[in-house]
């Protein structure tokens, strides 16, 4: 599992470690890891041309010491000093001693570079880049491969927000621990490929964010035992679809059938369409409270303006997933009154409506938005998007960040598949946070498989069909 820590936590860990090490040892560890990563990207260090964009402070020092190591291996290294009077003195001396130089003509050096190292601003930076730094960052992007030191300059390390101009890196070499901004959009897309360098850091506090990996998901996936029957495996109820949107019911049921539950009960007006596609579905005309035994409910996809079914489902003493149209009728009080777990799955527009703000505000501050929603409703919230986030109402629990998404999932009905899948995992016994994050992980993998090998356009029904391959990929 990738765990990410706030700047305050990382700083505390650095101070504790530096107190036990010789002066400068921690920076040398970071510089060694950075130089090794740069060498791998270059392929051939000798004769290559490297430009360092150097700000003040330790971030610039890391870049300068790494540049010295590359210069000793035969690279031509030039440092562009954005604040010459505040450049790291030791790093600058090391670079010059190794044969590197301070650039007298930054545009010319950048135009000839094979690799540019972004050491402008460190994890403590706030706000976007200043105009001169932004101009250099754009020139670097147009000229060469860009490697960011710890995180792309100009992004917020704690939140993933990008408040102004920022570096867009091809790769980011981060030290000691991941930072939330490296995992969460809009900053994540500017970080490129991530590489974590172990410098001996041991964060003293809980992580702020975490991203599941294959082994974590495999451990959480429900598996039937020898004595299992369909009821022990869990029955999920799906309340979805309408005369206008019968396909939403079909897609939600498709996701639920692929989610590991023993059976799926469908309640709604699209029973004929559901049975035509999935004859194993148990159908009922409703209301939900009379449909039979379930271990979890999914309500909302394609529901339209019908809210009576939502009342029924929220009154049930089993976990409930609310999506799409079901979210329009929610209030914090209605959710907080529930005794069983609740999982809300809005996209940015739906989250904005629940929070009473603009969609662009939610998309710019995804981490803060999902935390606020979870706290306000007292529920687990899965915020869909380019990086899907899952937040627990307990503020001390790390936000889960899904790493498997693909832009091809931005297609009509894809969220309905995810709702059915996550609801089925709820019925199989997973807690809302686990059901949401495992569901998002499998859903993202399925999107990748459906779009492979060349990233072809996909439909939501293809995502549902690829869920079996996603499971197999995790369990392999």
Protein backbone atom coordinates (compact mmCIF):
# COMPACT_ATOMS: atom_id res chain seq x y z
CA UNK A 1 0.00 0.00 0.00
CA UNK A 2 1.21 3.49 -0.83
CA UNK A 3 0.83 5.77 2.18
CA UNK A 4 1.04 9.55 1.95
CA UNK A 5 1.78 11.97 4.78
CA UNK A 6 1.23 15.66 5.36
CA UNK A 7 4.06 18.17 5.23
CA UNK A 8 3.89 18.65 9.01
CA UNK A 9 4.30 14.91 9.59
CA UNK A 10 7.14 14.61 7.07
CA UNK A 11 8.95 17.60 8.57
CA UNK A 12 8.70 16.10 12.06
CA UNK A 13 10.11 12.79 10.79
CA UNK A 14 12.97 14.62 9.04
CA UNK A 15 13.87 16.53 12.18
CA UNK A 16 13.91 13.36 14.26
CA UNK A 17 16.10 11.57 11.73
CA UNK A 18 18.52 14.48 11.21
CA UNK A 19 19.12 14.62 14.96
CA UNK A 20 20.59 11.11 14.73
CA UNK A 21 22.63 11.56 11.55
CA UNK A 22 25.78 13.54 10.68
CA UNK A 23 25.05 16.99 9.30
CA UNK A 24 24.07 16.86 5.65
CA UNK A 25 23.67 13.07 5.54
CA UNK A 26 19.93 13.18 4.87
CA UNK A 27 20.35 15.52 1.90
CA UNK A 28 23.09 13.29 0.50
CA UNK A 29 20.77 10.28 0.70
CA UNK A 30 18.09 12.19 -1.19
CA UNK A 31 20.58 13.46 -3.78
CA UNK A 32 21.94 9.96 -4.36
CA UNK A 33 18.45 8.61 -5.03
CA UNK A 34 17.61 11.52 -7.28
CA UNK A 35 20.82 11.15 -9.28
CA UNK A 36 20.21 7.40 -9.72
CA UNK A 37 16.70 8.03 -11.03
CA UNK A 38 17.98 10.70 -13.43
CA UNK A 39 20.69 8.34 -14.69
CA UNK A 40 18.07 5.67 -15.44
CA UNK A 41 15.98 8.15 -17.40
CA UNK A 42 19.00 9.36 -19.36
CA UNK A 43 20.16 5.85 -20.13
CA UNK A 44 23.65 7.12 -20.95
CA UNK A 45 24.94 9.72 -18.50
CA UNK A 46 28.31 10.47 -20.12
CA UNK A 47 27.93 13.25 -22.66
CA UNK A 48 24.32 14.03 -21.76
CA UNK A 49 23.14 17.55 -21.01
CA UNK A 50 21.32 18.24 -17.74
CA UNK A 51 19.82 21.53 -16.60
CA UNK A 52 18.93 22.15 -12.95
CA UNK A 53 16.19 24.67 -12.13
CA UNK A 54 17.29 25.70 -8.66
CA UNK A 55 15.27 27.62 -6.12
CA UNK A 56 16.31 28.55 -2.60
CA UNK A 57 16.47 26.10 0.27
CA UNK A 58 16.84 22.36 0.57
CA UNK A 59 14.89 21.44 -2.56
CA UNK A 60 17.41 23.33 -4.64
CA UNK A 61 20.22 21.75 -2.58
CA UNK A 62 18.96 18.26 -3.46
CA UNK A 63 19.04 19.21 -7.14
CA UNK A 64 22.54 20.70 -6.91
CA UNK A 65 24.06 17.71 -5.11
CA UNK A 66 22.38 15.32 -7.56
CA UNK A 67 23.73 17.43 -10.42
CA UNK A 68 27.23 17.14 -8.94
CA UNK A 69 26.93 13.34 -8.96
CA UNK A 70 25.84 13.37 -12.61
CA UNK A 71 28.66 15.76 -13.53
CA UNK A 72 31.19 13.39 -11.98
CA UNK A 73 29.85 10.71 -14.31
CA UNK A 74 30.48 12.85 -17.38
CA UNK A 75 27.23 14.76 -17.83
CA UNK A 76 27.32 18.41 -18.77
CA UNK A 77 25.36 20.03 -15.94
CA UNK A 78 24.20 23.67 -15.85
CA UNK A 79 22.30 25.21 -12.94
CA UNK A 80 19.76 27.97 -13.48
CA UNK A 81 19.63 29.87 -10.17
CA UNK A 82 16.29 31.57 -9.58
CA UNK A 83 17.54 33.19 -6.37
CA UNK A 84 21.35 33.27 -6.66
CA UNK A 85 21.88 34.95 -3.32
CA UNK A 86 19.88 32.20 -1.56
CA UNK A 87 21.08 29.13 -3.46
CA UNK A 88 22.24 26.25 -1.26
CA UNK A 89 25.92 27.08 -0.71
CA UNK A 90 27.15 23.54 -0.13
CA UNK A 91 25.29 22.13 -3.12
CA UNK A 92 26.51 24.90 -5.40
CA UNK A 93 30.11 24.37 -4.31
CA UNK A 94 29.78 20.62 -4.90
CA UNK A 95 28.40 21.19 -8.40
CA UNK A 96 31.24 23.52 -9.35
CA UNK A 97 33.84 21.16 -7.89
CA UNK A 98 32.43 18.33 -10.02
CA UNK A 99 32.71 20.39 -13.22
CA UNK A 100 29.18 21.76 -13.34
CA UNK A 101 28.47 25.41 -13.97
CA UNK A 102 25.95 28.15 -13.36
CA UNK A 103 24.03 28.90 -16.54
CA UNK A 104 24.72 32.26 -18.15
CA UNK A 105 22.13 31.68 -20.89
CA UNK A 106 19.16 29.66 -19.51
CA UNK A 107 17.07 29.64 -22.73
CA UNK A 108 20.01 28.25 -24.72
CA UNK A 109 20.85 25.63 -22.10
CA UNK A 110 17.22 24.52 -21.80
CA UNK A 111 16.84 24.22 -25.58
CA UNK A 112 19.79 21.79 -25.68
CA UNK A 113 18.95 19.78 -22.55
CA UNK A 114 18.32 16.04 -22.47
CA UNK A 115 16.95 16.24 -18.91
CA UNK A 116 15.70 19.09 -16.72
CA UNK A 117 15.56 18.74 -12.94
CA UNK A 118 12.88 20.80 -11.21
CA UNK A 119 14.26 21.95 -7.86
CA UNK A 120 12.43 25.26 -7.74
CA UNK A 121 10.10 24.85 -4.75
CA UNK A 122 9.90 22.15 -2.08
CA UNK A 123 7.01 20.61 -0.15
CA UNK A 124 6.61 23.74 1.95
CA UNK A 125 5.81 25.94 -1.04
CA UNK A 126 2.45 27.69 -1.25
CA UNK A 127 0.78 29.24 -4.27
CA UNK A 128 1.68 28.91 -7.93
CA UNK A 129 5.02 29.66 -9.52
CA UNK A 130 6.21 33.21 -9.93
CA UNK A 131 6.29 34.49 -13.54
CA UNK A 132 10.02 33.88 -14.16
CA UNK A 133 9.84 30.36 -12.73
CA UNK A 134 6.69 29.63 -14.72
CA UNK A 135 8.40 30.76 -17.93
CA UNK A 136 11.36 28.46 -17.26
CA UNK A 137 9.03 25.55 -16.42
CA UNK A 138 7.23 25.95 -19.75
CA UNK A 139 10.51 26.10 -21.64
CA UNK A 140 11.73 22.97 -19.85
CA UNK A 141 8.58 21.06 -20.73
CA UNK A 142 8.95 21.92 -24.40
CA UNK A 143 12.62 20.97 -24.52
CA UNK A 144 13.32 17.83 -22.52
CA UNK A 145 12.29 15.18 -20.03
CA UNK A 146 11.44 16.86 -16.71
CA UNK A 147 12.11 15.28 -13.32
CA UNK A 148 10.60 16.93 -10.23
CA UNK A 149 12.43 16.89 -6.91
CA UNK A 150 10.03 15.64 -4.20
CA UNK A 151 6.99 17.09 -6.01
CA UNK A 152 6.32 19.32 -9.02
CA UNK A 153 6.93 22.94 -8.06
CA UNK A 154 3.75 24.95 -7.72
CA UNK A 155 1.42 22.16 -6.52
CA UNK A 156 0.15 21.83 -2.97
CA UNK A 157 1.79 18.86 -1.26
CA UNK A 158 -1.01 18.35 1.26
CA UNK A 159 -4.10 18.65 -0.92
CA UNK A 160 -3.22 18.09 -4.57
CA UNK A 161 -4.50 21.54 -5.45
CA UNK A 162 -2.82 23.59 -8.18
CA UNK A 163 -3.46 27.25 -7.33
CA UNK A 164 -1.56 28.73 -10.28
CA UNK A 165 1.25 27.92 -12.70
CA UNK A 166 3.05 24.68 -11.86
CA UNK A 167 5.65 22.35 -13.30
CA UNK A 168 4.38 19.42 -15.37
CA UNK A 169 6.88 16.61 -14.81
CA UNK A 170 7.45 13.36 -16.64
CA UNK A 171 8.63 11.79 -13.39
CA UNK A 172 8.79 12.76 -9.74
CA UNK A 173 11.37 11.45 -7.30
CA UNK A 174 10.02 11.85 -3.79
CA UNK A 175 11.90 11.25 -0.56
CA UNK A 176 10.99 9.24 2.51
CA UNK A 177 7.22 9.17 2.03
CA UNK A 178 4.60 9.99 -0.55
CA UNK A 179 2.78 13.28 -0.15
CA UNK A 180 -1.01 13.42 -0.70
CA UNK A 181 -0.63 15.85 -3.59
CA UNK A 182 1.32 13.24 -5.55
CA UNK A 183 -1.68 10.89 -5.49
CA UNK A 184 -4.59 13.30 -5.95
CA UNK A 185 -5.61 15.31 -9.00
CA UNK A 186 -5.20 17.92 -10.28
CA UNK A 187 -1.61 17.73 -8.96
CA UNK A 188 -1.22 14.02 -9.67
CA UNK A 189 -1.39 14.46 -13.41
CA UNK A 190 1.53 16.88 -13.17
CA UNK A 191 3.74 14.41 -11.26
CA UNK A 192 4.24 11.81 -13.99
CA UNK A 193 5.73 8.47 -12.94
CA UNK A 194 6.43 8.30 -9.20
CA UNK A 195 9.56 6.96 -7.57
CA UNK A 196 9.96 6.78 -3.80
CA UNK A 197 13.50 6.98 -2.42
CA UNK A 198 13.93 5.44 1.03
CA UNK A 199 16.02 7.81 3.12
CA UNK A 200 15.23 6.17 6.46
CA UNK A 201 12.21 8.32 7.29
CA UNK A 202 9.68 6.89 9.74
CA UNK A 203 6.63 9.20 9.94
CA UNK A 204 5.45 9.52 13.55
CA UNK A 205 1.74 9.96 12.77
CA UNK A 206 -0.99 8.24 10.80
CA UNK A 207 -1.08 8.65 7.04
CA UNK A 208 -3.34 11.29 5.52
CA UNK A 209 -4.01 9.29 2.36
CA UNK A 210 -3.35 5.79 1.09
CA UNK A 211 -3.61 3.96 -2.21
CA UNK A 212 -4.40 0.26 -2.34
CA UNK A 213 -2.30 -2.06 -4.49
CA UNK A 214 -2.99 -5.54 -5.85
CA UNK A 215 -2.00 -7.38 -2.66
CA UNK A 216 -4.22 -5.16 -0.51
CA UNK A 217 -7.23 -5.67 -2.78
CA UNK A 218 -6.65 -9.42 -3.03
CA UNK A 219 -6.71 -9.66 0.77
CA UNK A 220 -10.01 -7.78 0.97
CA UNK A 221 -11.85 -9.57 -1.84
CA UNK A 222 -14.67 -11.85 -0.61
CA UNK A 223 -14.27 -15.53 -1.45
CA UNK A 224 -16.89 -18.23 -0.92
CA UNK A 225 -16.06 -21.00 1.54
CA UNK A 226 -16.94 -24.64 0.96
CA UNK A 227 -20.09 -24.32 3.06
CA UNK A 228 -21.25 -21.07 1.46
CA UNK A 229 -24.67 -20.70 -0.09
CA UNK A 230 -26.08 -17.68 -1.89
CA UNK A 231 -27.38 -16.16 1.35
CA UNK A 232 -24.12 -16.59 3.23
CA UNK A 233 -22.31 -14.95 0.31
CA UNK A 234 -24.70 -12.02 0.56
CA UNK A 235 -27.72 -10.77 -1.35
CA UNK A 236 -27.67 -7.25 -2.72
CA UNK A 237 -30.83 -5.34 -3.57
CA UNK A 238 -30.77 -2.89 -6.49
CA UNK A 239 -33.33 -0.11 -6.79
CA UNK A 240 -32.57 1.57 -10.09
CA UNK A 241 -33.92 2.49 -13.49
CA UNK A 242 -37.07 4.16 -14.73
CA UNK A 243 -39.13 4.34 -17.90
CA UNK A 244 -36.68 6.95 -19.15
CA UNK A 245 -33.49 5.19 -17.97
CA UNK A 246 -34.02 1.40 -18.03
CA UNK A 247 -30.39 0.88 -19.00
CA UNK A 248 -29.21 2.19 -15.62
CA UNK A 249 -30.91 -0.77 -13.98
CA UNK A 250 -29.26 -3.22 -16.37
CA UNK A 251 -25.81 -1.76 -15.78
CA UNK A 252 -26.16 -1.60 -11.99
CA UNK A 253 -27.30 -5.23 -11.91
CA UNK A 254 -24.39 -6.16 -14.19
CA UNK A 255 -21.95 -4.62 -11.73
CA UNK A 256 -23.66 -6.30 -8.79
CA UNK A 257 -23.54 -9.74 -10.40
CA UNK A 258 -19.79 -9.31 -10.94
CA UNK A 259 -19.21 -8.14 -7.37
CA UNK A 260 -19.12 -11.41 -5.50
CA UNK A 261 -22.53 -11.47 -3.81
CA UNK A 262 -24.55 -14.66 -3.89
CA UNK A 263 -27.66 -13.15 -5.46
CA UNK A 264 -29.08 -9.89 -6.76
CA UNK A 265 -32.63 -8.70 -6.12
CA UNK A 266 -33.88 -6.04 -8.49
CA UNK A 267 -36.75 -3.71 -7.59
CA UNK A 268 -38.04 -1.24 -10.16
CA UNK A 269 -39.83 -0.73 -13.47
CA UNK A 270 -37.07 -2.18 -15.68
CA UNK A 271 -37.52 -5.83 -14.66
CA UNK A 272 -38.12 -7.04 -18.23
CA UNK A 273 -34.92 -5.40 -19.48
CA UNK A 274 -32.95 -6.79 -16.54
CA UNK A 275 -34.26 -10.34 -16.95
CA UNK A 276 -33.66 -10.28 -20.69
CA UNK A 277 -29.99 -9.66 -20.01
CA UNK A 278 -29.54 -11.44 -16.67
CA UNK A 279 -32.11 -14.20 -16.08
CA UNK A 280 -30.47 -15.12 -12.76
CA UNK A 281 -31.69 -11.84 -11.21
CA UNK A 282 -34.47 -12.04 -8.61
CA UNK A 283 -37.04 -9.36 -9.49
CA UNK A 284 -39.81 -7.72 -7.49
CA UNK A 285 -42.29 -5.01 -8.33
CA UNK A 286 -41.68 -3.28 -4.98
CA UNK A 287 -41.70 -1.56 -2.64
CA UNK A 288 -38.20 -2.48 -1.48
CA UNK A 289 -39.28 -3.38 2.05
CA UNK A 290 -41.38 -6.23 0.62
CA UNK A 291 -38.80 -7.51 -1.86
CA UNK A 292 -37.20 -10.08 0.43
CA UNK A 293 -34.03 -10.53 2.38
CA UNK A 294 -30.96 -8.51 1.42
CA UNK A 295 -27.65 -7.77 3.13
CA UNK A 296 -27.20 -4.40 1.39
CA UNK A 297 -29.06 -2.02 -0.91
CA UNK A 298 -28.00 0.03 -3.91
CA UNK A 299 -30.37 2.87 -4.75
CA UNK A 300 -30.36 5.72 -7.22
CA UNK A 301 -29.00 4.97 -10.70
CA UNK A 302 -31.54 6.17 -13.27
CA UNK A 303 -34.22 6.49 -10.58
CA UNK A 304 -35.62 9.78 -11.88
CA UNK A 305 -37.89 11.69 -9.53
CA UNK A 306 -39.18 8.71 -7.56
CA UNK A 307 -38.16 9.20 -3.93
CA UNK A 308 -40.50 6.80 -2.11
CA UNK A 309 -38.19 3.86 -2.79
CA UNK A 310 -35.29 5.82 -1.31
CA UNK A 311 -37.26 6.30 1.93
CA UNK A 312 -37.79 2.56 2.11
CA UNK A 313 -34.14 1.75 1.56
CA UNK A 314 -32.82 4.31 4.04
CA UNK A 315 -35.10 2.83 6.69
CA UNK A 316 -33.54 -0.62 6.26
CA UNK A 317 -31.10 -1.80 8.92
CA UNK A 318 -28.48 -2.92 6.37
CA UNK A 319 -25.68 -1.05 4.57
CA UNK A 320 -26.90 1.22 1.79
CA UNK A 321 -25.13 2.72 -1.23
CA UNK A 322 -26.75 5.87 -2.62
CA UNK A 323 -25.82 7.08 -6.10
CA UNK A 324 -26.96 9.37 -8.90
CA UNK A 325 -30.64 10.42 -8.63
CA UNK A 326 -30.84 9.07 -5.08
CA UNK A 327 -28.37 11.73 -3.96
CA UNK A 328 -30.75 14.54 -4.95
CA UNK A 329 -33.12 13.70 -2.13
CA UNK A 330 -30.57 13.33 0.65
CA UNK A 331 -30.05 15.58 3.63
CA UNK A 332 -27.42 15.10 6.33
CA UNK A 333 -30.11 14.38 8.93
CA UNK A 334 -31.63 11.57 6.87
CA UNK A 335 -28.29 9.85 6.59
CA UNK A 336 -27.13 10.48 10.15
CA UNK A 337 -30.28 8.83 11.53
CA UNK A 338 -29.27 5.53 10.01
CA UNK A 339 -27.74 2.86 12.26
CA UNK A 340 -26.14 0.79 9.48
CA UNK A 341 -23.34 1.95 7.20
CA UNK A 342 -23.97 4.31 4.31
CA UNK A 343 -21.83 4.81 1.20
CA UNK A 344 -22.47 7.85 -1.01
CA UNK A 345 -20.97 7.83 -4.51
CA UNK A 346 -21.26 11.29 -6.13
CA UNK A 347 -19.35 12.65 -9.07
CA UNK A 348 -18.05 16.22 -8.81
CA UNK A 349 -21.30 17.81 -9.96
CA UNK A 350 -23.40 15.84 -7.48
CA UNK A 351 -20.89 16.56 -4.70
CA UNK A 352 -21.10 20.26 -5.53
CA UNK A 353 -24.89 20.17 -5.21
CA UNK A 354 -24.66 18.40 -1.84
CA UNK A 355 -22.14 20.97 -0.61
CA UNK A 356 -23.90 23.99 -2.13
CA UNK A 357 -20.98 25.19 -4.22
CA UNK A 358 -19.73 25.18 -7.81
CA UNK A 359 -18.48 22.06 -9.53
CA UNK A 360 -15.18 23.73 -10.39
CA UNK A 361 -14.57 24.33 -6.68
CA UNK A 362 -14.97 20.63 -5.93
CA UNK A 363 -12.70 19.60 -8.79
CA UNK A 364 -10.01 22.06 -7.69
CA UNK A 365 -10.12 20.87 -4.05
CA UNK A 366 -11.08 17.20 -4.25
CA UNK A 367 -9.50 16.11 -0.97
CA UNK A 368 -11.09 18.84 1.13
CA UNK A 369 -14.44 18.29 -0.61
CA UNK A 370 -14.65 14.56 0.04
CA UNK A 371 -13.61 15.03 3.67
CA UNK A 372 -16.21 17.73 4.16
CA UNK A 373 -18.96 15.59 2.63
CA UNK A 374 -18.09 12.60 4.80
CA UNK A 375 -18.10 14.72 7.93
CA UNK A 376 -21.31 16.56 7.07
CA UNK A 377 -23.33 13.42 6.26
CA UNK A 378 -21.68 11.09 8.76
CA UNK A 379 -21.20 8.59 5.92
CA UNK A 380 -18.45 7.11 3.81
CA UNK A 381 -18.15 9.11 0.58
CA UNK A 382 -16.70 7.90 -2.71
CA UNK A 383 -16.00 10.95 -4.88
CA UNK A 384 -15.73 9.77 -8.47
CA UNK A 385 -13.37 11.43 -10.91
CA UNK A 386 -9.91 11.34 -12.40
CA UNK A 387 -8.69 10.21 -9.00
CA UNK A 388 -11.51 8.56 -7.11
CA UNK A 389 -11.32 9.30 -3.39
CA UNK A 390 -12.98 7.41 -0.54
CA UNK A 391 -13.33 9.25 2.77
CA UNK A 392 -14.58 7.87 6.07
CA UNK A 393 -16.64 10.01 8.46
CA UNK A 394 -13.92 9.43 11.05
CA UNK A 395 -11.49 12.26 10.31
CA UNK A 396 -8.59 10.26 11.70
CA UNK A 397 -8.84 7.57 9.02
CA UNK A 398 -6.72 8.06 5.86
CA UNK A 399 -8.56 8.95 2.68
CA UNK A 400 -8.26 6.16 0.13
CA UNK A 401 -7.04 7.18 -3.33
CA UNK A 402 -7.75 4.89 -6.25
CA UNK A 403 -4.73 4.49 -8.60
CA UNK A 404 -6.34 2.41 -11.36
CA UNK A 405 -8.66 4.85 -13.09
CA UNK A 406 -8.55 5.73 -16.77
CA UNK A 407 -10.11 8.55 -18.74
CA UNK A 408 -11.98 5.98 -20.84
CA UNK A 409 -14.28 5.39 -17.84
CA UNK A 410 -15.77 8.85 -18.39
CA UNK A 411 -18.68 7.39 -20.29
CA UNK A 412 -22.43 7.17 -19.68
CA UNK A 413 -23.42 4.33 -17.35
CA UNK A 414 -19.94 3.62 -16.03
CA UNK A 415 -20.92 4.92 -12.59
CA UNK A 416 -23.97 2.62 -12.55
CA UNK A 417 -21.66 -0.38 -12.95
CA UNK A 418 -19.50 0.86 -10.09
CA UNK A 419 -22.54 1.29 -7.85
CA UNK A 420 -23.70 -2.27 -8.39
CA UNK A 421 -20.18 -3.61 -7.91
CA UNK A 422 -19.56 -1.73 -4.65
CA UNK A 423 -23.04 -2.60 -3.37
CA UNK A 424 -22.37 -6.26 -3.96
CA UNK A 425 -19.16 -5.98 -1.94
CA UNK A 426 -21.17 -4.37 0.86
CA UNK A 427 -23.57 -7.31 0.81
CA UNK A 428 -20.64 -9.72 0.95
CA UNK A 429 -19.61 -8.14 4.26
CA UNK A 430 -17.04 -5.45 3.40
CA UNK A 431 -17.20 -2.21 5.36
CA UNK A 432 -18.31 0.83 3.32
CA UNK A 433 -14.73 2.20 3.07
CA UNK A 434 -13.40 -1.14 1.84
CA UNK A 435 -16.34 -1.79 -0.47
CA UNK A 436 -15.92 1.63 -2.07
CA UNK A 437 -12.15 1.48 -2.49
CA UNK A 438 -12.05 -2.16 -3.67
CA UNK A 439 -14.95 -1.48 -6.03
CA UNK A 440 -13.21 1.58 -7.47
CA UNK A 441 -9.97 -0.38 -7.88
CA UNK A 442 -11.63 -3.23 -9.79
CA UNK A 443 -13.74 -0.80 -11.81
CA UNK A 444 -10.61 1.09 -12.86
CA UNK A 445 -8.82 -2.11 -13.83
CA UNK A 446 -11.84 -3.24 -15.82
CA UNK A 447 -11.82 0.06 -17.68
CA UNK A 448 -8.16 -0.41 -18.53
CA UNK A 449 -8.73 -3.97 -19.73
CA UNK A 450 -11.75 -2.98 -21.82
CA UNK A 451 -9.78 -0.15 -23.47
CA UNK A 452 -6.61 -2.22 -24.03
CA UNK A 453 -4.32 -2.59 -25.83
CA UNK A 454 -4.39 0.77 -27.58
CA UNK A 455 -6.86 2.75 -25.49
CA UNK A 456 -9.90 2.27 -27.70
CA UNK A 457 -13.20 3.97 -26.73
CA UNK A 458 -15.37 1.78 -24.51
CA UNK A 459 -18.99 1.58 -23.36
CA UNK A 460 -20.15 0.95 -19.80
CA UNK A 461 -21.41 -2.52 -20.70
CA UNK A 462 -17.87 -3.42 -21.76
CA UNK A 463 -16.56 -2.27 -18.38
CA UNK A 464 -18.97 -4.65 -16.66
CA UNK A 465 -17.86 -7.43 -18.97
CA UNK A 466 -14.21 -6.82 -18.12
CA UNK A 467 -14.71 -7.10 -14.34
CA UNK A 468 -13.95 -10.82 -14.43
CA UNK A 469 -10.58 -10.08 -16.00
CA UNK A 470 -9.95 -7.41 -13.35
CA UNK A 471 -10.59 -9.94 -10.55
CA UNK A 472 -8.28 -12.44 -12.21
CA UNK A 473 -5.58 -9.80 -12.58
CA UNK A 474 -5.70 -8.97 -8.85
CA UNK A 475 -5.71 -12.61 -7.77
CA UNK A 476 -2.95 -13.73 -10.16
